[in-house]
C-alpha atoms as a PDB file:
ATOM      1  CA  MET A   1       0.000   0.000   0.000  1.00  0.00           C
ATOM      2  CA  PRO A   2       1.570   3.321  -1.027  1.00  0.00           C
ATOM      3  CA  ILE A   3       2.112   6.168   1.408  1.00  0.00           C
ATOM      4  CA  VAL A   4       2.399   9.865   0.543  1.00  0.00           C
ATOM      5  CA  TYR A   5       4.386  12.287   2.685  1.00  0.00           C
ATOM      6  CA  CYS A   6       4.109  16.055   2.264  1.00  0.00           C
ATOM      7  CA  GLU A   7       6.472  18.533   3.868  1.00  0.00           C
ATOM      8  CA  LEU A   8       5.423  22.168   4.258  1.00  0.00           C
ATOM      9  CA  GLU A   9       8.028  24.836   5.027  1.00  0.00           C
ATOM     10  CA  ILE A  10       6.517  27.846   6.804  1.00  0.00           C
ATOM     11  CA  PHE A  11       7.902  31.291   7.618  1.00  0.00           C
ATOM     12  CA  LEU A  12       5.901  33.438  10.056  1.00  0.00           C
ATOM     13  CA  PRO A  13       7.605  36.862  10.168  1.00  0.00           C
ATOM     14  CA  TYR A  14       4.881  38.439  12.322  1.00  0.00           C
ATOM     15  CA  CYS A  15       5.214  35.961  15.221  1.00  0.00           C
ATOM     16  CA  HIS A  16       6.947  37.314  18.312  1.00  0.00           C
ATOM     17  CA  SER A  17       6.796  34.275  20.601  1.00  0.00           C
ATOM     18  CA  LEU A  18       6.642  30.500  20.533  1.00  0.00           C
ATOM     19  CA  LYS A  19       3.173  30.697  22.063  1.00  0.00           C
ATOM     20  CA  GLU A  20       1.909  32.811  19.172  1.00  0.00           C
ATOM     21  CA  LYS A  21       3.540  30.502  16.610  1.00  0.00           C
ATOM     22  CA  ARG A  22       2.033  27.378  18.197  1.00  0.00           C
ATOM     23  CA  GLN A  23      -1.413  28.985  18.271  1.00  0.00           C
ATOM     24  CA  ILE A  24      -1.244  29.670  14.524  1.00  0.00           C
ATOM     25  CA  LEU A  25       0.124  26.210  13.721  1.00  0.00           C
ATOM     26  CA  ARG A  26      -2.490  24.478  15.862  1.00  0.00           C
ATOM     27  CA  LYS A  27      -5.269  26.172  13.889  1.00  0.00           C
ATOM     28  CA  VAL A  28      -3.644  25.233  10.570  1.00  0.00           C
ATOM     29  CA  GLN A  29      -3.087  21.628  11.663  1.00  0.00           C
ATOM     30  CA  ASP A  30      -6.677  21.282  12.894  1.00  0.00           C
ATOM     31  CA  ARG A  31      -8.095  22.663   9.629  1.00  0.00           C
ATOM     32  CA  LEU A  32      -5.886  20.404   7.503  1.00  0.00           C
ATOM     33  CA  ARG A  33      -6.840  17.335   9.535  1.00  0.00           C
ATOM     34  CA  ALA A  34     -10.543  18.210   9.295  1.00  0.00           C
ATOM     35  CA  ASP A  35     -10.544  19.019   5.576  1.00  0.00           C
ATOM     36  CA  THR A  36      -8.171  16.298   4.293  1.00  0.00           C
ATOM     37  CA  HIS A  37      -7.366  12.671   5.042  1.00  0.00           C
ATOM     38  CA  PHE A  38      -3.894  13.456   6.393  1.00  0.00           C
ATOM     39  CA  SER A  39      -2.210  13.191   9.756  1.00  0.00           C
ATOM     40  CA  VAL A  40      -0.326  16.456  10.370  1.00  0.00           C
ATOM     41  CA  ALA A  41       2.428  17.288  12.861  1.00  0.00           C
ATOM     42  CA  GLU A  42       5.172  19.881  13.365  1.00  0.00           C
ATOM     43  CA  MET A  43       8.458  18.246  12.374  1.00  0.00           C
ATOM     44  CA  ASN A  44      11.279  20.801  12.716  1.00  0.00           C
ATOM     45  CA  HIS A  45      12.149  24.194  14.165  1.00  0.00           C
ATOM     46  CA  GLN A  46      10.055  23.751  17.319  1.00  0.00           C
ATOM     47  CA  ASP A  47      12.331  26.168  19.183  1.00  0.00           C
ATOM     48  CA  LEU A  48      12.255  28.982  16.592  1.00  0.00           C
ATOM     49  CA  TRP A  49       9.602  31.708  16.630  1.00  0.00           C
ATOM     50  CA  GLN A  50       9.250  32.349  12.934  1.00  0.00           C
ATOM     51  CA  ARG A  51       9.992  29.049  11.185  1.00  0.00           C
ATOM     52  CA  SER A  52       8.254  25.714  11.096  1.00  0.00           C
ATOM     53  CA  THR A  53       8.046  22.527   9.101  1.00  0.00           C
ATOM     54  CA  LEU A  54       4.812  20.571   9.033  1.00  0.00           C
ATOM     55  CA  GLY A  55       4.749  16.965   7.912  1.00  0.00           C
ATOM     56  CA  ALA A  56       1.567  15.349   6.606  1.00  0.00           C
ATOM     57  CA  VAL A  57       1.080  11.689   5.744  1.00  0.00           C
ATOM     58  CA  THR A  58      -1.685   9.410   4.476  1.00  0.00           C
ATOM     59  CA  VAL A  59      -2.095   6.010   2.832  1.00  0.00           C
ATOM     60  CA  GLY A  60      -4.198   4.977  -0.139  1.00  0.00           C
ATOM     61  CA  PRO A  61      -4.808   2.336  -2.778  1.00  0.00           C
ATOM     62  CA  ASP A  62      -2.747   3.884  -5.614  1.00  0.00           C
ATOM     63  CA  HIS A  63      -0.312   6.661  -6.497  1.00  0.00           C
ATOM     64  CA  LYS A  64      -2.772   8.538  -8.697  1.00  0.00           C
ATOM     65  CA  LEU A  65      -5.274   9.065  -5.869  1.00  0.00           C
ATOM     66  CA  LEU A  66      -2.525   9.923  -3.386  1.00  0.00           C
ATOM     67  CA  GLU A  67      -1.028  12.497  -5.729  1.00  0.00           C
ATOM     68  CA  LYS A  68      -4.441  14.132  -6.114  1.00  0.00           C
ATOM     69  CA  LEU A  69      -4.910  14.196  -2.316  1.00  0.00           C
ATOM     70  CA  ALA A  70      -1.410  15.607  -1.796  1.00  0.00           C
ATOM     71  CA  HIS A  71      -2.057  18.470  -4.216  1.00  0.00           C
ATOM     72  CA  GLN A  72      -5.365  19.185  -2.457  1.00  0.00           C
ATOM     73  CA  LEU A  73      -3.486  19.353   0.868  1.00  0.00           C
ATOM     74  CA  ILE A  74      -0.910  21.760  -0.551  1.00  0.00           C
ATOM     75  CA  ASP A  75      -3.627  23.934  -2.119  1.00  0.00           C
ATOM     76  CA  LYS A  76      -5.521  24.028   1.184  1.00  0.00           C
ATOM     77  CA  SER A  77      -2.284  24.887   3.016  1.00  0.00           C
ATOM     78  CA  ALA A  78      -1.613  27.718   0.587  1.00  0.00           C
ATOM     79  CA  ASP A  79      -5.127  29.044   1.161  1.00  0.00           C
ATOM     80  CA  LEU A  80      -4.686  28.942   4.946  1.00  0.00           C
ATOM     81  CA  LEU A  81      -1.116  30.256   5.114  1.00  0.00           C
ATOM     82  CA  GLY A  82      -0.859  32.524   2.079  1.00  0.00           C
ATOM     83  CA  ASP A  83       2.672  33.844   1.579  1.00  0.00           C
ATOM     84  CA  SER A  84       3.799  32.171   4.815  1.00  0.00           C
ATOM     85  CA  LEU A  85       4.024  28.834   2.984  1.00  0.00           C
ATOM     86  CA  THR A  86       7.505  29.067   1.471  1.00  0.00           C
ATOM     87  CA  SER A  87       7.829  25.584  -0.057  1.00  0.00           C
ATOM     88  CA  SER A  88       6.243  22.172  -0.217  1.00  0.00           C
ATOM     89  CA  THR A  89       7.397  18.726  -1.273  1.00  0.00           C
ATOM     90  CA  ILE A  90       5.633  15.457  -2.023  1.00  0.00           C
ATOM     91  CA  ASP A  91       7.294  12.063  -1.537  1.00  0.00           C
ATOM     92  CA  PHE A  92       5.922   8.567  -2.077  1.00  0.00           C
ATOM     93  CA  ILE A  93       6.834   5.473  -0.091  1.00  0.00           C
ATOM     94  CA  ASP A  94       5.883   2.029  -1.353  1.00  0.00           C
END
């Protein structure tokens, strides 16, 4: 069964504390979990105020469906984060 992993690099220049950053990320993570079939977690830069990396993963029956779901996740992330989403990657694991 194939697995898709998406990595989202985020830059939050207007955050001035870890508490503020975590509040924003929690809302984004909750929306992504509710609107997509992905598990989402913060992966890197937990100790920095203005940077973050979110990882999202899901499984499915074939690569075609997973690629479609991954692009939906990235589009939804771009809608939620705007210019704060600096880059995104999609990787498949068989």
